[in-house]
Amino acid sequence: MQPESVEASSSGESRGFWATVREAVSGAEGRDFTEGPIGQALLLLSIPMVLEVALESVFALVNVFWVSRLGPEAVAVVGLTEAMMSVIYALGMGLGIGATGMIARRIGEKRPDQAARAAVQAIVVGIGVSLPISVLGGWFAPELLGLMGATPEVVADGTAFTRIMFLGNASILLLFLINAIFRGAGDAAVAMRCLWMANLANLILDPLLIFGIGPFPELGIEGAAVATTIGRGVGVLYQFHRLRGTDRRFVIEREHLRLDPALIRSLMRLSSTGIFQILITTTSWIGLVRVNAAFGAAAVAGYTVAIRVVLFGILPAWGMSNAAATLVGQSLGAKKPERAEASVWLAGRYNLYFLGALGALFVAFAPQLLAFVRDPEVTRIGVIALRVIALGFPFYAYGMVLSNAFNGAGDTWTPTVLNVVCFWLWEIPLAWVLANPVGLGPTGVFIAVAVAFSTMALLSAILFRRGRWKTKAV
């Protein structure tokens, strides 16, 4: 643990809780997160980050809500395309990992000019990545739908929707990436507002363009793609506007717009492992579904429903983890490694309080939480999944924070290797062994999830205590 003086400063609160919440939502402009109470800094950063994460999931929900009125084929198109978009989300989040670490370090060093240069190079990389995706995804949209298992009818109905989504993928990548830049700078409230604007535009345009209300053309399912792309585009335009704002922690000027190959290489080094890190987690879930699928549709459905509840419930924990990453990067930049380490342990403790209580609720009220499921067998399996996975929440609380802390320090390789070991080499084989030779069926898969995340947390804590992340150059 940390020296007593550091720990004491982390627990002190200079103002009331609700005043801190108001400042977090309105924006903590001018606040130096390398000084003052750590607990308050975590709240100021994590609250808007929680709202940002929650808002990102609203896009798909709004589309499904309106598109469902067009029939099951239209819903299938949205679902299959969203599955393909998950790769683009992974690219955006992975690029964001590198950008957050680099920007946070420059801000902590009190070098806003270098932060602005790094932000420009990150945006250039994002645009560069999006261009081939636009061309290939737009050209091969029907073939991609076919590879996803779409019926000929779904391919015919959904090609235009999928093509528009791929052609507009730059708005997805940039929305993720520039928000990561704002988070690294400590401007979490700005990132949150960008998604507010994007969601509001999508919410208004979706029904107008799908059903042709008023002067708008009736585009059907293609209208949902156009509305989503325009909505995200509005968010990106607002991001560029705020990057030029004089009230920001750094301001992009004309002299920052030159390409810097060395900086781009450094960013790509950080981001490439970040992308791989996200893809490992994504593909491990696919592997678990494959093991579970051997036990029938009810097993897959029960697992899917339980995971959706889990992912929604832990959103606040992701916000706290992202806040810890920002504090680590800025504290290391300010040459305060003790503050960085104290921030991580305090964020882990906050996460433990939250996820421990949430896990207890999941165990006690799992049947009530899944009462919306109509199939008794799906409900039974979902209840088991929810309870077993929730037992690992106390470990997961620290695992989430520690993984993001490594990323915030610029040590993206450590969590990447841990993900490979814990999810590919441990979780999936363990799930198969417990489900099949041991004979636990779907329950064995759920146990493997809890065991893998617990293992991840323990190994992360051991490596974090060694402290090599404190000397990582970014």
Protein backbone atom coordinates (compact mmCIF):
# COMPACT_ATOMS: atom_id res chain seq x y z
CA MET A 1 0.00 0.00 0.00
CA GLN A 2 0.97 3.66 -0.14
CA PRO A 3 2.58 5.89 2.47
CA GLU A 4 0.10 7.07 5.04
CA SER A 5 0.33 10.70 3.93
CA VAL A 6 -0.64 9.82 0.38
CA GLU A 7 -3.50 7.60 1.54
CA ALA A 8 -4.79 10.31 3.83
CA SER A 9 -4.84 12.85 1.05
CA SER A 10 -6.73 10.40 -1.13
CA SER A 11 -9.57 10.00 1.31
CA GLY A 12 -10.02 13.63 2.20
CA GLU A 13 -12.91 15.52 0.65
CA SER A 14 -12.75 19.28 0.38
CA ARG A 15 -16.37 19.63 -0.67
CA GLY A 16 -19.67 17.81 -0.44
CA PHE A 17 -20.50 14.81 -2.59
CA TRP A 18 -23.34 16.44 -4.53
CA ALA A 19 -21.27 19.55 -5.23
CA THR A 20 -18.64 17.25 -6.73
CA VAL A 21 -21.30 15.50 -8.83
CA ARG A 22 -22.53 18.86 -10.17
CA GLU A 23 -19.00 19.91 -11.07
CA ALA A 24 -18.35 16.54 -12.74
CA VAL A 25 -21.39 16.87 -15.01
CA SER A 26 -20.86 20.57 -15.77
CA GLY A 27 -17.14 20.10 -16.40
CA ALA A 28 -14.12 20.50 -14.13
CA GLU A 29 -12.41 23.11 -16.31
CA GLY A 30 -9.12 24.37 -14.96
CA ARG A 31 -8.81 21.69 -12.28
CA ASP A 32 -5.37 20.09 -11.93
CA PHE A 33 -5.89 16.38 -11.31
CA THR A 34 -2.28 15.93 -10.23
CA GLU A 35 -3.05 17.92 -7.06
CA GLY A 36 -5.67 17.72 -4.31
CA PRO A 37 -7.75 14.84 -2.90
CA ILE A 38 -7.56 11.72 -5.05
CA GLY A 39 -11.04 10.57 -4.09
CA GLN A 40 -12.57 13.77 -5.40
CA ALA A 41 -10.53 13.56 -8.61
CA LEU A 42 -11.80 10.01 -9.20
CA LEU A 43 -15.41 11.16 -8.81
CA LEU A 44 -14.95 14.19 -11.06
CA LEU A 45 -13.56 11.97 -13.82
CA SER A 46 -15.62 8.81 -13.37
CA ILE A 47 -19.15 10.29 -13.25
CA PRO A 48 -19.13 11.72 -16.80
CA MET A 49 -17.25 8.63 -18.00
CA VAL A 50 -20.03 6.38 -16.69
CA LEU A 51 -22.63 8.47 -18.51
CA GLU A 52 -20.50 8.41 -21.67
CA VAL A 53 -20.25 4.59 -21.67
CA ALA A 54 -23.97 4.25 -21.06
CA LEU A 55 -24.82 6.66 -23.89
CA GLU A 56 -22.75 4.73 -26.46
CA SER A 57 -25.05 1.72 -26.07
CA VAL A 58 -28.10 3.90 -26.78
CA PHE A 59 -27.39 4.05 -30.54
CA ALA A 60 -28.09 0.35 -31.10
CA LEU A 61 -31.09 0.38 -28.76
CA VAL A 62 -32.73 3.30 -30.55
CA ASN A 63 -32.15 1.69 -33.95
CA VAL A 64 -33.63 -1.64 -32.84
CA PHE A 65 -36.62 0.12 -31.25
CA TRP A 66 -37.65 1.86 -34.48
CA VAL A 67 -36.47 -0.78 -36.94
CA SER A 68 -38.45 -3.49 -35.12
CA ARG A 69 -41.57 -1.90 -36.61
CA LEU A 70 -40.31 -2.89 -40.07
CA GLY A 71 -40.26 -6.63 -39.34
CA PRO A 72 -37.86 -9.35 -38.16
CA GLU A 73 -35.67 -9.21 -41.28
CA ALA A 74 -34.89 -5.56 -40.59
CA VAL A 75 -34.00 -6.35 -36.96
CA ALA A 76 -31.73 -9.16 -38.19
CA VAL A 77 -29.92 -6.71 -40.47
CA VAL A 78 -29.26 -4.35 -37.56
CA GLY A 79 -28.09 -7.19 -35.33
CA LEU A 80 -25.73 -8.71 -37.91
CA THR A 81 -24.30 -5.34 -38.92
CA GLU A 82 -23.83 -4.37 -35.28
CA ALA A 83 -21.85 -7.58 -34.77
CA MET A 84 -19.53 -6.57 -37.63
CA MET A 85 -19.31 -3.03 -36.25
CA SER A 86 -17.90 -4.52 -33.02
CA VAL A 87 -14.58 -4.89 -34.85
CA ILE A 88 -14.64 -1.15 -35.60
CA TYR A 89 -15.53 -0.45 -31.97
CA ALA A 90 -12.50 -2.55 -30.97
CA LEU A 91 -10.30 -0.49 -33.31
CA GLY A 92 -11.68 2.75 -31.86
CA MET A 93 -11.20 1.63 -28.27
CA GLY A 94 -7.71 0.27 -29.00
CA LEU A 95 -6.61 3.50 -30.67
CA GLY A 96 -8.17 5.33 -27.74
CA ILE A 97 -6.02 3.39 -25.26
CA GLY A 98 -2.86 4.72 -26.89
CA ALA A 99 -4.24 8.25 -27.23
CA THR A 100 -5.43 8.41 -23.61
CA GLY A 101 -2.07 7.28 -22.23
CA MET A 102 -0.07 9.68 -24.39
CA ILE A 103 -2.31 12.73 -23.83
CA ALA A 104 -2.56 12.12 -20.07
CA ARG A 105 1.23 11.94 -19.78
CA ARG A 106 1.73 15.23 -21.67
CA ILE A 107 -0.92 17.01 -19.58
CA GLY A 108 0.69 15.74 -16.38
CA GLU A 109 4.04 17.06 -17.61
CA LYS A 110 2.38 20.47 -18.12
CA ARG A 111 3.19 20.34 -21.86
CA PRO A 112 -0.13 21.23 -23.51
CA ASP A 113 1.60 22.04 -26.81
CA GLN A 114 2.87 18.44 -27.07
CA ALA A 115 -0.57 17.15 -26.06
CA ALA A 116 -2.06 19.07 -28.99
CA ARG A 117 0.51 17.56 -31.37
CA ALA A 118 -0.24 14.06 -30.10
CA ALA A 119 -3.99 14.65 -30.50
CA VAL A 120 -3.54 15.68 -34.15
CA GLN A 121 -1.45 12.58 -34.93
CA ALA A 122 -4.05 10.35 -33.25
CA ILE A 123 -6.82 11.87 -35.39
CA VAL A 124 -4.72 11.36 -38.54
CA VAL A 125 -4.25 7.69 -37.63
CA GLY A 126 -7.99 7.32 -37.02
CA ILE A 127 -8.86 8.78 -40.41
CA GLY A 128 -6.20 6.63 -42.07
CA VAL A 129 -7.61 3.46 -40.50
CA SER A 130 -11.19 4.34 -41.47
CA LEU A 131 -10.54 4.85 -45.20
CA PRO A 132 -9.82 1.23 -46.23
CA ILE A 133 -12.68 0.04 -44.03
CA SER A 134 -15.03 2.40 -45.87
CA VAL A 135 -13.90 1.16 -49.28
CA LEU A 136 -13.82 -2.58 -48.51
CA GLY A 137 -16.90 -2.61 -46.28
CA GLY A 138 -18.94 -0.56 -48.72
CA TRP A 139 -17.89 -2.67 -51.71
CA PHE A 140 -18.33 -6.09 -50.07
CA ALA A 141 -21.38 -5.32 -47.89
CA PRO A 142 -23.60 -8.12 -49.32
CA GLU A 143 -20.79 -10.68 -49.12
CA LEU A 144 -20.09 -9.72 -45.50
CA LEU A 145 -23.75 -10.16 -44.58
CA GLY A 146 -23.68 -13.57 -46.24
CA LEU A 147 -20.60 -14.57 -44.25
CA MET A 148 -22.48 -13.60 -41.07
CA GLY A 149 -25.14 -16.18 -41.94
CA ALA A 150 -27.81 -13.82 -43.31
CA THR A 151 -30.52 -15.37 -45.48
CA PRO A 152 -30.82 -14.18 -49.11
CA GLU A 153 -33.85 -12.09 -48.08
CA VAL A 154 -31.92 -10.40 -45.29
CA VAL A 155 -28.98 -9.74 -47.63
CA ALA A 156 -31.31 -8.16 -50.19
CA ASP A 157 -33.05 -5.99 -47.60
CA GLY A 158 -29.97 -5.06 -45.60
CA THR A 159 -27.14 -4.44 -48.07
CA ALA A 160 -27.81 -0.68 -48.25
CA PHE A 161 -27.96 -0.40 -44.44
CA THR A 162 -24.67 -2.27 -43.99
CA ARG A 163 -22.99 -0.33 -46.81
CA ILE A 164 -23.95 3.04 -45.27
CA MET A 165 -22.68 1.96 -41.85
CA PHE A 166 -19.31 0.91 -43.28
CA LEU A 167 -18.99 4.03 -45.42
CA GLY A 168 -19.63 6.15 -42.31
CA ASN A 169 -17.27 4.21 -40.05
CA ALA A 170 -15.00 7.27 -39.69
CA SER A 171 -17.66 8.85 -37.49
CA ILE A 172 -17.53 5.81 -35.18
CA LEU A 173 -13.73 5.68 -34.98
CA LEU A 174 -13.32 9.41 -34.46
CA LEU A 175 -16.08 9.59 -31.85
CA PHE A 176 -14.31 6.88 -29.80
CA LEU A 177 -10.83 8.26 -30.44
CA ILE A 178 -11.39 11.96 -29.80
CA ASN A 179 -13.39 11.19 -26.67
CA ALA A 180 -10.38 9.17 -25.48
CA ILE A 181 -8.25 12.26 -26.12
CA PHE A 182 -10.61 14.37 -23.98
CA ARG A 183 -10.56 11.74 -21.21
CA GLY A 184 -6.76 11.66 -21.21
CA ALA A 185 -6.71 15.43 -20.86
CA GLY A 186 -9.15 15.25 -17.95
CA ASP A 187 -12.06 16.72 -19.94
CA ALA A 188 -14.40 13.80 -19.31
CA ALA A 189 -17.49 16.04 -19.24
CA VAL A 190 -16.75 17.22 -22.79
CA ALA A 191 -16.60 13.61 -24.01
CA MET A 192 -19.93 12.98 -22.34
CA ARG A 193 -21.53 16.01 -24.02
CA CYS A 194 -20.29 14.86 -27.44
CA LEU A 195 -22.28 11.65 -27.04
CA TRP A 196 -25.29 13.57 -25.72
CA MET A 197 -25.37 15.57 -28.95
CA ALA A 198 -24.79 12.52 -31.15
CA ASN A 199 -27.54 10.56 -29.40
CA LEU A 200 -29.99 13.45 -29.52
CA ALA A 201 -29.46 13.85 -33.29
CA ASN A 202 -29.91 10.11 -33.83
CA LEU A 203 -33.00 10.00 -31.61
CA ILE A 204 -34.68 12.77 -33.63
CA LEU A 205 -33.62 11.62 -37.10
CA ASP A 206 -34.31 7.90 -36.74
CA PRO A 207 -38.14 7.97 -36.95
CA LEU A 208 -38.11 10.90 -39.39
CA LEU A 209 -35.91 9.13 -41.94
CA ILE A 210 -37.21 5.59 -41.40
CA PHE A 211 -40.92 6.47 -41.81
CA GLY A 212 -40.69 9.65 -43.90
CA ILE A 213 -42.35 11.97 -41.40
CA GLY A 214 -43.05 15.50 -42.65
CA PRO A 215 -40.68 16.69 -45.39
CA PHE A 216 -38.23 13.83 -44.82
CA PRO A 217 -37.97 10.95 -47.34
CA GLU A 218 -39.17 7.49 -46.30
CA LEU A 219 -35.94 5.46 -46.39
CA GLY A 220 -36.98 2.46 -44.33
CA ILE A 221 -34.10 0.57 -42.75
CA GLU A 222 -31.58 2.67 -44.69
CA GLY A 223 -32.94 5.67 -42.79
CA ALA A 224 -31.68 4.17 -39.53
CA ALA A 225 -28.16 3.93 -40.97
CA VAL A 226 -28.29 7.49 -42.29
CA ALA A 227 -29.63 8.80 -38.97
CA THR A 228 -26.96 6.98 -36.95
CA THR A 229 -24.14 8.15 -39.23
CA ILE A 230 -25.37 11.76 -39.19
CA GLY A 231 -25.85 11.59 -35.42
CA ARG A 232 -22.31 10.41 -34.83
CA GLY A 233 -21.11 12.96 -37.38
CA VAL A 234 -22.74 15.73 -35.36
CA GLY A 235 -20.87 14.46 -32.31
CA VAL A 236 -17.57 14.50 -34.22
CA LEU A 237 -18.15 18.05 -35.47
CA TYR A 238 -18.78 19.13 -31.88
CA GLN A 239 -15.55 17.37 -30.87
CA PHE A 240 -13.55 19.34 -33.43
CA HIS A 241 -15.21 22.53 -32.22
CA ARG A 242 -14.19 21.80 -28.63
CA LEU A 243 -10.64 20.91 -29.64
CA ARG A 244 -10.34 24.49 -30.92
CA GLY A 245 -11.92 25.98 -27.80
CA THR A 246 -9.72 28.32 -25.79
CA ASP A 247 -11.09 26.95 -22.49
CA ARG A 248 -9.55 23.49 -23.04
CA ARG A 249 -6.49 22.02 -21.32
CA PHE A 250 -4.81 22.19 -24.71
CA VAL A 251 -5.77 23.97 -27.93
CA ILE A 252 -5.00 22.72 -31.44
CA GLU A 253 -3.47 25.52 -33.52
CA ARG A 254 -2.33 25.67 -37.13
CA GLU A 255 1.29 24.81 -36.24
CA HIS A 256 0.16 21.50 -34.72
CA LEU A 257 -1.28 20.22 -37.99
CA ARG A 258 2.01 18.94 -39.42
CA LEU A 259 2.53 15.19 -39.62
CA ASP A 260 5.01 13.75 -37.11
CA PRO A 261 6.04 10.22 -38.24
CA ALA A 262 7.94 9.47 -35.00
CA LEU A 263 4.93 10.41 -32.89
CA ILE A 264 2.62 8.38 -35.13
CA ARG A 265 4.89 5.33 -34.73
CA SER A 266 4.85 5.73 -30.95
CA LEU A 267 1.07 6.05 -30.94
CA MET A 268 0.67 3.01 -33.19
CA ARG A 269 2.93 1.00 -30.90
CA LEU A 270 0.68 1.73 -27.95
CA SER A 271 -2.55 1.40 -29.88
CA SER A 272 -1.75 -1.83 -31.74
CA THR A 273 -1.42 -3.76 -28.49
CA GLY A 274 -4.52 -1.97 -27.19
CA ILE A 275 -6.50 -3.14 -30.23
CA PHE A 276 -5.21 -6.69 -29.79
CA GLN A 277 -6.16 -6.45 -26.11
CA ILE A 278 -9.77 -5.59 -26.94
CA LEU A 279 -10.00 -8.26 -29.66
CA ILE A 280 -8.75 -10.94 -27.25
CA THR A 281 -11.61 -10.18 -24.87
CA THR A 282 -14.16 -10.03 -27.70
CA THR A 283 -13.10 -13.32 -29.28
CA SER A 284 -12.97 -15.08 -25.90
CA TRP A 285 -16.70 -14.37 -25.49
CA ILE A 286 -17.26 -15.93 -28.91
CA GLY A 287 -15.35 -19.01 -27.75
CA LEU A 288 -17.50 -19.31 -24.65
CA VAL A 289 -20.67 -19.06 -26.74
CA ARG A 290 -19.33 -21.85 -28.94
CA VAL A 291 -18.76 -24.13 -25.92
CA ASN A 292 -22.20 -23.24 -24.57
CA ALA A 293 -23.92 -23.81 -27.92
CA ALA A 294 -23.39 -27.58 -27.58
CA PHE A 295 -26.07 -27.59 -24.86
CA GLY A 296 -28.83 -26.07 -26.99
CA ALA A 297 -30.51 -22.77 -27.75
CA ALA A 298 -31.77 -22.31 -24.19
CA ALA A 299 -28.21 -22.45 -22.85
CA VAL A 300 -27.04 -19.80 -25.32
CA ALA A 301 -30.08 -17.61 -24.66
CA GLY A 302 -29.72 -17.85 -20.88
CA TYR A 303 -26.03 -16.99 -21.05
CA THR A 304 -26.70 -14.08 -23.45
CA VAL A 305 -29.43 -12.57 -21.26
CA ALA A 306 -27.30 -12.88 -18.11
CA ILE A 307 -24.27 -11.27 -19.78
CA ARG A 308 -26.40 -8.34 -20.97
CA VAL A 309 -27.54 -7.72 -17.39
CA VAL A 310 -23.96 -8.03 -16.11
CA LEU A 311 -22.55 -5.63 -18.71
CA PHE A 312 -25.22 -3.04 -18.00
CA GLY A 313 -24.73 -3.36 -14.24
CA ILE A 314 -20.96 -2.85 -14.30
CA LEU A 315 -21.02 0.36 -16.37
CA PRO A 316 -20.15 2.52 -13.31
CA ALA A 317 -17.14 0.27 -12.67
CA TRP A 318 -15.86 0.95 -16.19
CA GLY A 319 -16.14 4.68 -15.50
CA MET A 320 -14.07 4.35 -12.34
CA SER A 321 -11.48 2.25 -14.20
CA ASN A 322 -11.15 4.84 -16.98
CA ALA A 323 -10.78 7.56 -14.37
CA ALA A 324 -7.95 5.64 -12.73
CA ALA A 325 -6.17 5.34 -16.12
CA THR A 326 -6.32 9.11 -16.61
CA LEU A 327 -5.00 9.79 -13.10
CA VAL A 328 -2.16 7.30 -13.57
CA GLY A 329 -1.04 8.90 -16.83
CA GLN A 330 -1.24 12.46 -15.53
CA SER A 331 0.44 11.62 -12.20
CA LEU A 332 3.34 9.86 -13.93
CA GLY A 333 3.71 12.86 -16.22
CA ALA A 334 3.87 15.08 -13.13
CA LYS A 335 6.60 12.79 -11.67
CA LYS A 336 4.27 11.61 -8.90
CA PRO A 337 4.31 7.79 -9.11
CA GLU A 338 3.12 7.45 -5.50
CA ARG A 339 0.00 9.44 -6.35
CA ALA A 340 -0.52 7.26 -9.42
CA GLU A 341 -0.33 4.08 -7.35
CA ALA A 342 -2.56 5.48 -4.58
CA SER A 343 -5.15 6.45 -7.22
CA VAL A 344 -5.31 2.87 -8.49
CA TRP A 345 -5.75 1.24 -5.09
CA LEU A 346 -8.39 3.79 -4.07
CA ALA A 347 -10.27 3.29 -7.36
CA GLY A 348 -10.09 -0.46 -6.80
CA ARG A 349 -11.54 -0.04 -3.32
CA TYR A 350 -14.39 2.13 -4.64
CA ASN A 351 -15.05 -0.48 -7.32
CA LEU A 352 -15.02 -3.20 -4.66
CA TYR A 353 -17.69 -1.40 -2.66
CA PHE A 354 -19.88 -0.99 -5.74
CA LEU A 355 -19.40 -4.37 -7.41
CA GLY A 356 -19.49 -6.22 -4.09
CA ALA A 357 -22.91 -4.75 -3.36
CA LEU A 358 -24.05 -5.30 -6.95
CA GLY A 359 -22.90 -8.92 -6.88
CA ALA A 360 -24.85 -9.54 -3.68
CA LEU A 361 -27.97 -8.10 -5.33
CA PHE A 362 -27.47 -10.28 -8.41
CA VAL A 363 -27.14 -13.40 -6.27
CA ALA A 364 -30.17 -12.56 -4.12
CA PHE A 365 -32.51 -11.24 -6.81
CA ALA A 366 -31.43 -13.03 -9.99
CA PRO A 367 -34.94 -14.47 -10.68
CA GLN A 368 -36.54 -11.05 -10.33
CA LEU A 369 -33.91 -9.43 -12.59
CA LEU A 370 -34.68 -11.97 -15.32
CA ALA A 371 -38.44 -11.92 -14.86
CA PHE A 372 -38.87 -10.39 -18.34
CA VAL A 373 -37.70 -13.69 -19.90
CA ARG A 374 -40.70 -15.82 -20.89
CA ASP A 375 -39.05 -19.21 -21.38
CA PRO A 376 -38.66 -21.10 -18.03
CA GLU A 377 -35.55 -23.01 -19.15
CA VAL A 378 -33.84 -19.85 -20.40
CA THR A 379 -34.70 -18.16 -17.10
CA ARG A 380 -33.29 -21.09 -15.09
CA ILE A 381 -29.97 -21.07 -16.94
CA GLY A 382 -29.78 -17.27 -16.88
CA VAL A 383 -30.27 -17.22 -13.10
CA ILE A 384 -27.42 -19.71 -12.63
CA ALA A 385 -25.18 -17.67 -14.94
CA LEU A 386 -25.96 -14.40 -13.18
CA ARG A 387 -25.29 -15.83 -9.73
CA VAL A 388 -22.09 -17.67 -10.61
CA ILE A 389 -20.54 -14.79 -12.56
CA ALA A 390 -21.51 -12.32 -9.80
CA LEU A 391 -19.45 -14.32 -7.31
CA GLY A 392 -16.32 -13.08 -9.09
CA PHE A 393 -17.28 -9.41 -8.86
CA PRO A 394 -15.03 -8.58 -5.86
CA PHE A 395 -12.02 -9.77 -7.88
CA TYR A 396 -13.28 -8.18 -11.08
CA ALA A 397 -13.50 -4.83 -9.25
CA TYR A 398 -9.72 -4.70 -8.91
CA GLY A 399 -9.00 -6.46 -12.21
CA MET A 400 -10.79 -3.78 -14.24
CA VAL A 401 -8.94 -0.93 -12.51
CA LEU A 402 -5.52 -2.59 -12.65
CA SER A 403 -5.82 -3.42 -16.38
CA ASN A 404 -6.75 0.16 -17.22
CA ALA A 405 -4.00 1.47 -14.93
CA PHE A 406 -1.35 -0.36 -16.96
CA ASN A 407 -2.83 1.15 -20.13
CA GLY A 408 -2.86 4.63 -18.61
CA ALA A 409 0.82 4.24 -17.77
CA GLY A 410 1.58 3.29 -21.38
CA ASP A 411 2.29 -0.35 -20.47
CA THR A 412 -0.20 -1.87 -22.90
CA TRP A 413 1.70 -5.14 -23.26
CA THR A 414 1.16 -6.33 -19.69
CA PRO A 415 -2.68 -6.41 -19.82
CA THR A 416 -2.50 -7.82 -23.37
CA VAL A 417 -0.37 -10.78 -22.27
CA LEU A 418 -2.59 -11.26 -19.21
CA ASN A 419 -5.66 -11.31 -21.46
CA VAL A 420 -4.12 -13.99 -23.68
CA VAL A 421 -3.18 -16.14 -20.69
CA CYS A 422 -6.38 -15.69 -18.68
CA PHE A 423 -8.97 -15.73 -21.49
CA TRP A 424 -7.52 -17.77 -24.37
CA LEU A 425 -5.23 -20.20 -22.55
CA TRP A 426 -7.20 -20.55 -19.31
CA GLU A 427 -10.86 -19.52 -19.54
CA ILE A 428 -11.93 -21.27 -22.77
CA PRO A 429 -10.15 -24.60 -22.08
CA LEU A 430 -11.42 -24.55 -18.49
CA ALA A 431 -14.97 -23.89 -19.72
CA TRP A 432 -14.79 -26.89 -22.08
CA VAL A 433 -13.36 -29.19 -19.40
CA LEU A 434 -15.89 -28.19 -16.75
CA ALA A 435 -18.81 -28.32 -19.20
CA ASN A 436 -17.95 -31.62 -20.89
CA PRO A 437 -15.58 -34.09 -19.17
CA VAL A 438 -16.52 -32.89 -15.68
CA GLY A 439 -20.18 -32.84 -16.74
CA LEU A 440 -21.31 -29.49 -15.34
CA GLY A 441 -22.84 -28.38 -18.65
CA PRO A 442 -23.52 -24.63 -19.02
CA THR A 443 -22.75 -24.10 -15.33
CA GLY A 444 -19.16 -25.08 -16.07
CA VAL A 445 -18.92 -22.25 -18.60
CA PHE A 446 -20.18 -19.74 -16.05
CA ILE A 447 -17.71 -20.98 -13.42
CA ALA A 448 -14.89 -20.57 -15.94
CA VAL A 449 -15.86 -16.90 -16.45
CA ALA A 450 -15.71 -16.17 -12.71
CA VAL A 451 -12.43 -18.09 -12.29
CA ALA A 452 -10.77 -16.40 -15.28
CA PHE A 453 -11.61 -12.87 -14.14
CA SER A 454 -10.47 -13.70 -10.60
CA THR A 455 -7.19 -15.05 -11.96
CA MET A 456 -6.79 -11.91 -14.06
CA ALA A 457 -7.21 -9.73 -10.98
CA LEU A 458 -4.70 -11.67 -8.87
CA LEU A 459 -2.01 -11.74 -11.57
CA SER A 460 -2.59 -8.04 -12.32
CA ALA A 461 -2.14 -7.15 -8.65
CA ILE A 462 1.12 -9.09 -8.44
CA LEU A 463 2.58 -7.41 -11.54
CA PHE A 464 1.27 -3.99 -10.53
CA ARG A 465 2.99 -4.19 -7.15
CA ARG A 466 6.32 -4.83 -8.87
CA GLY A 467 6.07 -1.26 -10.19
CA ARG A 468 7.73 -1.61 -13.58
CA TRP A 469 4.84 0.35 -15.11
CA LYS A 470 6.11 3.46 -13.29
CA THR A 471 9.15 3.71 -15.58
CA LYS A 472 7.35 3.11 -18.89
CA ALA A 473 8.19 5.80 -21.44
CA VAL A 474 5.30 7.22 -23.48
